[in-house]
Amino acid sequence: MRRGLLAVCMSGLLTTAGALPLCAAPVDEQRVLIRNGFVVPAGKLLLVDDMSVDCVIASEVFDDAEFHKVGVEATAYLRITYPTNACPEALDSERECPSQEYALGTGAGRGQIAFFIQPGQPDRRVLRVGAGREMNVFAGAGATLRGTCQGIQVNMINSFITAGSGRLVNPPR
């Protein structure tokens, strides 16, 4: 005797409160490359898959030999900001939308020759370091994504998203 299996897909039908449908409808998604200042288009939701942020740092250590030993270190973040009219949460006391920050990791450079020397009194040695990781973060329509960095005993010259990828999807209704 042969046995068969009958599978029934019931899209959109919930069996209990909060349960997922047995089969989800296909998702309309578009792969995107994310760079600094990426803005999520109207009517879309961005699902971030991975992110890398670089930090350009001027060291507070001025001696060249000491700089080689100490180097620089900074923590890289993904910052998501929304305009007040698209804020997904309550506005803060200054009537602005609070930013969302996600730590990507710490980038460090030691024992390296400076990327360049920033002239001034005194000259500062500059390095570029970065951090990145896979992540499961989302941003709604109108959100802007930027890379930021923080460190101790350093002067941040610049920070930016060097590479990120994600998927634009239609938000759930």
N, C-alpha and C. Protein backbone atom coordinates (compact mmCIF):
# COMPACT_ATOMS: atom_id res chain seq x y z
N MET A 1 0.83 -1.17 0.00
CA MET A 1 0.00 0.00 0.00
C MET A 1 0.89 1.24 0.00
N ARG A 2 0.60 2.20 -0.86
CA ARG A 2 1.35 3.46 -0.95
C ARG A 2 0.67 4.52 -0.09
N ARG A 3 1.51 5.27 0.58
CA ARG A 3 0.98 6.37 1.39
C ARG A 3 1.42 7.69 0.78
N GLY A 4 0.58 8.65 0.85
CA GLY A 4 0.90 9.98 0.32
C GLY A 4 0.72 11.03 1.40
N LEU A 5 1.27 12.18 1.14
CA LEU A 5 1.17 13.30 2.08
C LEU A 5 0.49 14.45 1.36
N LEU A 6 -0.55 14.95 1.96
CA LEU A 6 -1.26 16.09 1.41
C LEU A 6 -0.91 17.30 2.26
N ALA A 7 -0.28 18.29 1.66
CA ALA A 7 0.07 19.52 2.39
C ALA A 7 -0.86 20.63 1.94
N VAL A 8 -1.42 21.31 2.90
CA VAL A 8 -2.34 22.40 2.60
C VAL A 8 -1.72 23.68 3.13
N CYS A 9 -1.65 24.67 2.27
CA CYS A 9 -1.10 25.96 2.66
C CYS A 9 -2.25 26.92 2.88
N MET A 10 -2.35 27.44 4.09
CA MET A 10 -3.44 28.35 4.43
C MET A 10 -2.85 29.72 4.73
N SER A 11 -2.64 30.50 3.71
CA SER A 11 -2.03 31.81 3.86
C SER A 11 -2.99 32.79 4.52
N GLY A 12 -2.48 33.44 5.57
CA GLY A 12 -3.26 34.48 6.22
C GLY A 12 -4.24 33.97 7.26
N LEU A 13 -4.37 32.68 7.44
CA LEU A 13 -5.31 32.12 8.41
C LEU A 13 -4.54 31.81 9.68
N LEU A 14 -4.98 32.36 10.80
CA LEU A 14 -4.31 32.14 12.06
C LEU A 14 -5.09 31.10 12.86
N THR A 15 -4.37 30.15 13.44
CA THR A 15 -5.04 29.12 14.21
C THR A 15 -5.28 29.55 15.64
N THR A 16 -4.34 30.29 16.21
CA THR A 16 -4.51 30.83 17.56
C THR A 16 -4.03 32.27 17.53
N ALA A 17 -4.41 33.03 18.52
CA ALA A 17 -4.02 34.45 18.56
C ALA A 17 -2.50 34.56 18.53
N GLY A 18 -1.96 35.31 17.60
CA GLY A 18 -0.54 35.55 17.49
C GLY A 18 0.24 34.49 16.75
N ALA A 19 -0.38 33.43 16.31
CA ALA A 19 0.33 32.38 15.59
C ALA A 19 0.62 32.83 14.17
N LEU A 20 1.68 32.29 13.61
CA LEU A 20 2.05 32.62 12.24
C LEU A 20 1.24 31.77 11.26
N PRO A 21 1.01 32.28 10.05
CA PRO A 21 0.32 31.45 9.06
C PRO A 21 1.15 30.20 8.75
N LEU A 22 0.47 29.15 8.31
CA LEU A 22 1.17 27.91 8.01
C LEU A 22 2.17 28.08 6.88
N CYS A 23 1.84 28.87 5.88
CA CYS A 23 2.74 29.16 4.77
C CYS A 23 2.68 30.67 4.53
N ALA A 24 3.81 31.30 4.48
CA ALA A 24 3.83 32.74 4.25
C ALA A 24 3.81 33.01 2.75
N ALA A 25 3.16 34.10 2.41
CA ALA A 25 3.14 34.51 1.00
C ALA A 25 4.55 34.96 0.61
N PRO A 26 4.91 34.85 -0.66
CA PRO A 26 6.24 35.27 -1.07
C PRO A 26 6.45 36.75 -0.77
N VAL A 27 7.65 37.06 -0.32
CA VAL A 27 8.00 38.43 0.04
C VAL A 27 8.64 39.10 -1.17
N ASP A 28 8.15 40.29 -1.48
CA ASP A 28 8.74 41.09 -2.55
C ASP A 28 9.92 41.83 -1.96
N GLU A 29 11.14 41.41 -2.29
CA GLU A 29 12.32 42.05 -1.71
C GLU A 29 13.31 42.46 -2.78
N GLN A 30 14.07 43.49 -2.45
CA GLN A 30 15.09 44.01 -3.35
C GLN A 30 16.39 44.12 -2.56
N ARG A 31 17.46 43.44 -3.00
CA ARG A 31 18.76 43.53 -2.34
C ARG A 31 19.34 44.92 -2.56
N VAL A 32 19.94 45.50 -1.53
CA VAL A 32 20.53 46.83 -1.64
C VAL A 32 21.90 46.86 -1.00
N LEU A 33 22.76 47.72 -1.53
CA LEU A 33 24.06 48.03 -0.96
C LEU A 33 23.89 49.30 -0.13
N ILE A 34 24.32 49.27 1.10
CA ILE A 34 24.12 50.40 2.01
C ILE A 34 25.43 51.15 2.17
N ARG A 35 25.39 52.42 1.96
CA ARG A 35 26.53 53.31 2.18
C ARG A 35 26.10 54.39 3.16
N ASN A 36 27.06 55.19 3.61
CA ASN A 36 26.76 56.24 4.58
C ASN A 36 25.71 57.20 4.04
N GLY A 37 24.71 57.50 4.86
CA GLY A 37 23.65 58.41 4.45
C GLY A 37 22.52 57.73 3.71
N PHE A 38 22.49 56.40 3.71
CA PHE A 38 21.42 55.66 3.03
C PHE A 38 20.08 56.04 3.66
N VAL A 39 19.08 56.36 2.82
CA VAL A 39 17.74 56.70 3.28
C VAL A 39 16.77 55.63 2.79
N VAL A 40 15.99 55.08 3.71
CA VAL A 40 15.01 54.05 3.35
C VAL A 40 13.88 54.71 2.58
N PRO A 41 13.57 54.21 1.37
CA PRO A 41 12.51 54.81 0.55
C PRO A 41 11.13 54.72 1.20
N ALA A 42 10.27 55.64 0.82
CA ALA A 42 8.89 55.64 1.32
C ALA A 42 8.20 54.32 0.98
N GLY A 43 7.41 53.82 1.92
CA GLY A 43 6.65 52.60 1.70
C GLY A 43 7.46 51.32 1.81
N LYS A 44 8.72 51.40 2.26
CA LYS A 44 9.57 50.21 2.36
C LYS A 44 10.11 50.05 3.77
N LEU A 45 10.56 48.84 4.06
CA LEU A 45 11.20 48.50 5.31
C LEU A 45 12.55 47.91 4.93
N LEU A 46 13.63 48.37 5.58
CA LEU A 46 14.96 47.87 5.30
C LEU A 46 15.35 46.84 6.36
N LEU A 47 15.69 45.64 5.92
CA LEU A 47 16.21 44.60 6.79
C LEU A 47 17.72 44.55 6.58
N VAL A 48 18.49 44.95 7.59
CA VAL A 48 19.95 45.03 7.47
C VAL A 48 20.53 43.65 7.75
N ASP A 49 21.38 43.18 6.84
CA ASP A 49 22.01 41.86 6.98
C ASP A 49 23.42 41.96 7.56
N ASP A 50 24.19 42.93 7.11
CA ASP A 50 25.55 43.11 7.63
C ASP A 50 25.97 44.57 7.44
N MET A 51 26.95 44.99 8.23
CA MET A 51 27.37 46.39 8.22
C MET A 51 28.83 46.49 8.61
N SER A 52 29.58 47.38 7.93
CA SER A 52 30.96 47.70 8.28
C SER A 52 31.11 49.21 8.33
N VAL A 53 31.77 49.68 9.38
CA VAL A 53 32.01 51.12 9.56
C VAL A 53 33.50 51.34 9.77
N ASP A 54 34.05 52.34 9.09
CA ASP A 54 35.44 52.72 9.27
C ASP A 54 35.53 54.01 10.07
N CYS A 55 36.57 54.10 10.88
CA CYS A 55 36.82 55.27 11.72
C CYS A 55 38.19 55.84 11.33
N VAL A 56 38.25 57.12 11.02
CA VAL A 56 39.51 57.79 10.73
C VAL A 56 39.85 58.59 11.99
N ILE A 57 40.99 58.23 12.62
CA ILE A 57 41.29 58.69 13.97
C ILE A 57 42.66 59.34 14.03
N ALA A 58 42.73 60.52 14.68
CA ALA A 58 44.00 61.17 14.97
C ALA A 58 44.36 60.85 16.41
N SER A 59 45.53 60.29 16.63
CA SER A 59 45.94 59.86 17.95
C SER A 59 46.33 61.04 18.83
N GLU A 60 46.12 60.86 20.13
CA GLU A 60 46.57 61.85 21.13
C GLU A 60 48.01 61.57 21.53
N VAL A 61 48.58 60.47 21.02
CA VAL A 61 49.99 60.15 21.27
C VAL A 61 50.81 60.79 20.16
N PHE A 62 51.71 61.70 20.53
CA PHE A 62 52.41 62.50 19.52
C PHE A 62 53.77 61.93 19.12
N ASP A 63 54.42 61.18 20.00
CA ASP A 63 55.73 60.61 19.71
C ASP A 63 55.58 59.42 18.76
N ASP A 64 56.36 59.41 17.68
CA ASP A 64 56.23 58.38 16.65
C ASP A 64 56.47 56.97 17.21
N ALA A 65 57.52 56.79 18.02
CA ALA A 65 57.83 55.48 18.58
C ALA A 65 56.71 55.02 19.53
N GLU A 66 56.20 55.93 20.33
CA GLU A 66 55.11 55.59 21.25
C GLU A 66 53.82 55.29 20.49
N PHE A 67 53.58 56.03 19.40
CA PHE A 67 52.40 55.80 18.56
C PHE A 67 52.40 54.37 18.02
N HIS A 68 53.59 53.88 17.62
CA HIS A 68 53.70 52.52 17.11
C HIS A 68 53.23 51.50 18.15
N LYS A 69 53.54 51.76 19.41
CA LYS A 69 53.16 50.83 20.49
C LYS A 69 51.68 50.97 20.85
N VAL A 70 51.22 52.21 20.99
CA VAL A 70 49.88 52.47 21.50
C VAL A 70 48.82 52.38 20.40
N GLY A 71 49.08 53.00 19.26
CA GLY A 71 48.13 53.00 18.15
C GLY A 71 46.84 53.73 18.49
N VAL A 72 45.75 53.29 17.89
CA VAL A 72 44.44 53.89 18.13
C VAL A 72 43.39 52.78 18.24
N GLU A 73 42.27 53.13 18.87
CA GLU A 73 41.19 52.18 19.05
C GLU A 73 39.88 52.95 19.12
N ALA A 74 38.85 52.43 18.50
CA ALA A 74 37.54 53.09 18.53
C ALA A 74 36.45 52.03 18.36
N THR A 75 35.28 52.33 18.91
CA THR A 75 34.12 51.47 18.73
C THR A 75 33.26 52.04 17.62
N ALA A 76 32.90 51.18 16.68
CA ALA A 76 32.09 51.60 15.53
C ALA A 76 30.62 51.26 15.79
N TYR A 77 29.73 52.16 15.35
CA TYR A 77 28.29 52.00 15.54
C TYR A 77 27.55 52.24 14.24
N LEU A 78 26.40 51.60 14.12
CA LEU A 78 25.42 51.94 13.09
C LEU A 78 24.41 52.84 13.78
N ARG A 79 24.20 54.04 13.26
CA ARG A 79 23.22 54.97 13.83
C ARG A 79 22.06 55.12 12.84
N ILE A 80 20.85 54.90 13.33
CA ILE A 80 19.64 55.06 12.53
C ILE A 80 18.86 56.23 13.10
N THR A 81 18.56 57.21 12.24
CA THR A 81 17.78 58.37 12.67
C THR A 81 16.55 58.50 11.78
N TYR A 82 15.49 59.04 12.37
CA TYR A 82 14.23 59.25 11.65
C TYR A 82 13.86 60.72 11.72
N PRO A 83 13.19 61.24 10.68
CA PRO A 83 12.60 62.57 10.80
C PRO A 83 11.46 62.52 11.80
N THR A 84 11.13 63.63 12.42
CA THR A 84 10.10 63.63 13.47
C THR A 84 8.75 63.13 12.96
N ASN A 85 8.43 63.37 11.70
CA ASN A 85 7.12 62.94 11.18
C ASN A 85 7.05 61.44 10.89
N ALA A 86 8.18 60.73 10.98
CA ALA A 86 8.20 59.28 10.73
C ALA A 86 8.77 58.52 11.93
N CYS A 87 8.85 59.17 13.07
CA CYS A 87 9.47 58.56 14.26
C CYS A 87 8.66 57.36 14.74
N PRO A 88 9.32 56.19 14.93
CA PRO A 88 8.60 54.99 15.36
C PRO A 88 8.35 54.94 16.87
N GLU A 89 8.81 55.95 17.60
CA GLU A 89 8.61 55.99 19.05
C GLU A 89 8.30 57.41 19.49
N ALA A 90 8.05 57.60 20.76
CA ALA A 90 7.71 58.93 21.28
C ALA A 90 8.89 59.88 21.13
N LEU A 91 8.59 61.13 20.79
CA LEU A 91 9.64 62.14 20.66
C LEU A 91 10.23 62.43 22.03
N ASP A 92 11.51 62.84 22.06
CA ASP A 92 12.15 63.14 23.33
C ASP A 92 11.71 64.51 23.85
N SER A 93 12.30 64.95 24.95
CA SER A 93 11.90 66.21 25.59
C SER A 93 12.16 67.43 24.71
N GLU A 94 13.04 67.31 23.74
CA GLU A 94 13.32 68.41 22.81
C GLU A 94 12.52 68.28 21.52
N ARG A 95 11.52 67.39 21.53
CA ARG A 95 10.62 67.16 20.39
C ARG A 95 11.38 66.63 19.16
N GLU A 96 12.42 65.82 19.41
CA GLU A 96 13.18 65.18 18.34
C GLU A 96 13.03 63.67 18.48
N CYS A 97 13.23 62.97 17.38
CA CYS A 97 13.15 61.51 17.39
C CYS A 97 14.49 60.96 17.91
N PRO A 98 14.46 60.14 18.97
CA PRO A 98 15.71 59.56 19.48
C PRO A 98 16.37 58.67 18.42
N SER A 99 17.69 58.74 18.34
CA SER A 99 18.39 57.88 17.38
C SER A 99 18.54 56.48 17.96
N GLN A 100 18.72 55.52 17.08
CA GLN A 100 18.96 54.13 17.48
C GLN A 100 20.41 53.83 17.11
N GLU A 101 21.17 53.28 18.05
CA GLU A 101 22.57 52.95 17.80
C GLU A 101 22.84 51.49 18.10
N TYR A 102 23.55 50.85 17.19
CA TYR A 102 23.89 49.44 17.32
C TYR A 102 25.41 49.30 17.22
N ALA A 103 26.04 48.74 18.26
CA ALA A 103 27.50 48.55 18.27
C ALA A 103 27.89 47.47 17.26
N LEU A 104 28.89 47.79 16.45
CA LEU A 104 29.39 46.83 15.47
C LEU A 104 30.64 46.12 15.96
N GLY A 105 31.39 46.78 16.83
CA GLY A 105 32.62 46.19 17.35
C GLY A 105 33.67 47.25 17.53
N THR A 106 34.83 46.82 17.99
CA THR A 106 35.95 47.74 18.22
C THR A 106 37.01 47.49 17.18
N GLY A 107 37.43 48.58 16.54
CA GLY A 107 38.52 48.51 15.58
C GLY A 107 39.77 49.08 16.23
N ALA A 108 40.91 48.44 16.02
CA ALA A 108 42.15 48.90 16.63
C ALA A 108 43.29 48.76 15.63
N GLY A 109 44.25 49.66 15.74
CA GLY A 109 45.46 49.61 14.92
C GLY A 109 46.65 49.89 15.80
N ARG A 110 47.54 48.91 15.92
CA ARG A 110 48.77 49.06 16.72
C ARG A 110 49.93 48.54 15.89
N GLY A 111 51.09 49.13 16.09
CA GLY A 111 52.28 48.68 15.37
C GLY A 111 52.23 49.01 13.90
N GLN A 112 51.43 50.01 13.54
CA GLN A 112 51.29 50.37 12.13
C GLN A 112 51.86 51.77 11.87
N ILE A 113 52.25 51.98 10.65
CA ILE A 113 52.67 53.31 10.22
C ILE A 113 51.41 54.13 10.02
N ALA A 114 51.49 55.41 10.37
CA ALA A 114 50.32 56.29 10.24
C ALA A 114 49.82 56.32 8.81
N PHE A 115 48.50 56.37 8.67
CA PHE A 115 47.82 56.51 7.38
C PHE A 115 48.27 57.82 6.74
N PHE A 116 48.30 58.88 7.54
CA PHE A 116 48.91 60.16 7.15
C PHE A 116 49.17 60.95 8.43
N ILE A 117 49.92 62.04 8.30
CA ILE A 117 50.22 62.91 9.43
C ILE A 117 49.36 64.16 9.30
N GLN A 118 48.58 64.46 10.35
CA GLN A 118 47.76 65.67 10.36
C GLN A 118 48.63 66.80 10.91
N PRO A 119 48.93 67.80 10.05
CA PRO A 119 49.82 68.88 10.51
C PRO A 119 49.15 69.76 11.57
N GLY A 120 49.95 70.33 12.40
CA GLY A 120 49.47 71.22 13.45
C GLY A 120 50.46 71.23 14.58
N GLN A 121 50.09 71.83 15.67
CA GLN A 121 50.95 71.86 16.84
C GLN A 121 50.35 71.04 17.93
N PRO A 122 50.82 69.87 18.18
CA PRO A 122 51.82 69.08 17.46
C PRO A 122 51.17 68.27 16.33
N ASP A 123 52.03 67.71 15.47
CA ASP A 123 51.53 66.86 14.40
C ASP A 123 50.86 65.62 15.01
N ARG A 124 49.76 65.19 14.41
CA ARG A 124 49.06 63.99 14.91
C ARG A 124 49.12 62.89 13.87
N ARG A 125 49.34 61.68 14.36
CA ARG A 125 49.35 60.52 13.48
C ARG A 125 47.93 59.99 13.33
N VAL A 126 47.55 59.69 12.09
CA VAL A 126 46.18 59.30 11.79
C VAL A 126 46.15 57.88 11.24
N LEU A 127 45.20 57.09 11.74
CA LEU A 127 44.97 55.74 11.24
C LEU A 127 43.50 55.58 10.88
N ARG A 128 43.25 54.63 10.01
CA ARG A 128 41.87 54.26 9.64
C ARG A 128 41.66 52.82 10.09
N VAL A 129 40.70 52.61 10.98
CA VAL A 129 40.37 51.27 11.46
C VAL A 129 38.87 51.06 11.31
N GLY A 130 38.47 49.82 11.30
CA GLY A 130 37.05 49.55 11.12
C GLY A 130 36.59 48.32 11.86
N ALA A 131 35.27 48.19 11.90
CA ALA A 131 34.64 47.02 12.52
C ALA A 131 33.35 46.74 11.76
N GLY A 132 32.93 45.50 11.79
CA GLY A 132 31.69 45.14 11.13
C GLY A 132 31.20 43.79 11.60
N ARG A 133 29.95 43.49 11.29
CA ARG A 133 29.39 42.20 11.68
C ARG A 133 28.07 41.96 10.97
N GLU A 134 27.64 40.71 11.00
CA GLU A 134 26.29 40.38 10.56
C GLU A 134 25.33 40.89 11.62
N MET A 135 24.16 41.31 11.19
CA MET A 135 23.19 41.81 12.16
C MET A 135 21.78 41.61 11.66
N ASN A 136 20.83 41.69 12.57
CA ASN A 136 19.41 41.58 12.26
C ASN A 136 18.73 42.83 12.80
N VAL A 137 18.83 43.89 12.06
CA VAL A 137 18.28 45.19 12.44
C VAL A 137 17.37 45.64 11.31
N PHE A 138 16.33 46.39 11.63
CA PHE A 138 15.48 46.93 10.58
C PHE A 138 15.31 48.43 10.76
N ALA A 139 15.00 49.09 9.66
CA ALA A 139 14.74 50.53 9.67
C ALA A 139 13.56 50.80 8.76
N GLY A 140 12.66 51.67 9.22
CA GLY A 140 11.46 51.98 8.46
C GLY A 140 11.66 53.10 7.46
N ALA A 141 10.61 53.36 6.69
CA ALA A 141 10.63 54.39 5.66
C ALA A 141 11.06 55.73 6.25
N GLY A 142 11.94 56.43 5.55
CA GLY A 142 12.42 57.75 5.97
C GLY A 142 13.64 57.72 6.86
N ALA A 143 14.03 56.54 7.36
CA ALA A 143 15.19 56.44 8.24
C ALA A 143 16.48 56.67 7.45
N THR A 144 17.46 57.29 8.11
CA THR A 144 18.78 57.51 7.52
C THR A 144 19.79 56.69 8.31
N LEU A 145 20.68 55.98 7.60
CA LEU A 145 21.70 55.15 8.24
C LEU A 145 23.07 55.79 8.06
N ARG A 146 23.81 55.90 9.16
CA ARG A 146 25.16 56.46 9.15
C ARG A 146 26.07 55.63 10.04
N GLY A 147 27.35 55.71 9.78
CA GLY A 147 28.34 55.09 10.65
C GLY A 147 28.91 56.14 11.58
N THR A 148 29.07 55.79 12.86
CA THR A 148 29.68 56.71 13.82
C THR A 148 30.72 55.94 14.63
N CYS A 149 31.62 56.67 15.28
CA CYS A 149 32.68 56.06 16.07
C CYS A 149 32.90 56.83 17.36
N GLN A 150 33.34 56.12 18.39
CA GLN A 150 33.71 56.72 19.66
C GLN A 150 34.99 56.06 20.14
N GLY A 151 35.85 56.85 20.78
CA GLY A 151 37.09 56.30 21.33
C GLY A 151 37.61 57.17 22.45
N ILE A 152 38.61 56.65 23.16
CA ILE A 152 39.24 57.36 24.26
C ILE A 152 40.63 57.80 23.81
N GLN A 153 41.00 59.01 24.15
CA GLN A 153 42.28 59.60 23.79
C GLN A 153 42.51 59.61 22.28
N VAL A 154 41.46 59.90 21.55
CA VAL A 154 41.57 60.03 20.10
C VAL A 154 40.71 61.20 19.65
N ASN A 155 40.99 61.67 18.46
CA ASN A 155 40.23 62.74 17.83
C ASN A 155 39.63 62.16 16.56
N MET A 156 38.31 61.97 16.54
CA MET A 156 37.65 61.39 15.37
C MET A 156 37.64 62.43 14.24
N ILE A 157 38.25 62.08 13.14
CA ILE A 157 38.25 62.95 11.98
C ILE A 157 37.05 62.65 11.10
N ASN A 158 36.74 61.38 10.94
CA ASN A 158 35.63 60.98 10.08
C ASN A 158 35.19 59.57 10.47
N SER A 159 33.95 59.25 10.18
CA SER A 159 33.44 57.89 10.32
C SER A 159 32.35 57.71 9.29
N PHE A 160 32.29 56.51 8.72
CA PHE A 160 31.35 56.29 7.63
C PHE A 160 31.12 54.80 7.41
N ILE A 161 29.96 54.48 6.83
CA ILE A 161 29.66 53.09 6.45
C ILE A 161 30.46 52.80 5.19
N THR A 162 31.34 51.82 5.27
CA THR A 162 32.11 51.46 4.08
C THR A 162 31.36 50.44 3.24
N ALA A 163 30.62 49.57 3.90
CA ALA A 163 29.83 48.58 3.18
C ALA A 163 28.76 48.02 4.09
N GLY A 164 27.63 47.80 3.52
CA GLY A 164 26.53 47.17 4.23
C GLY A 164 25.60 46.58 3.19
N SER A 165 24.85 45.59 3.61
CA SER A 165 23.88 45.04 2.68
C SER A 165 22.59 44.77 3.43
N GLY A 166 21.54 44.75 2.68
CA GLY A 166 20.23 44.51 3.27
C GLY A 166 19.20 44.24 2.20
N ARG A 167 17.95 44.19 2.64
CA ARG A 167 16.85 43.91 1.74
C ARG A 167 15.73 44.90 2.00
N LEU A 168 15.24 45.52 0.94
CA LEU A 168 14.06 46.38 1.03
C LEU A 168 12.86 45.50 0.80
N VAL A 169 11.91 45.56 1.74
CA VAL A 169 10.68 44.77 1.63
C VAL A 169 9.48 45.66 1.88
N ASN A 170 8.33 45.18 1.49
CA ASN A 170 7.09 45.89 1.82
C ASN A 170 6.79 45.61 3.29
N PRO A 171 6.45 46.65 4.06
CA PRO A 171 6.16 46.42 5.48
C PRO A 171 4.90 45.58 5.66
N PRO A 172 4.83 44.84 6.77
CA PRO A 172 3.63 44.05 7.02
C PRO A 172 2.42 44.95 7.23
N ARG A 173 1.28 44.46 6.88
CA ARG A 173 0.06 45.29 7.03
C ARG A 173 -0.77 44.81 8.15
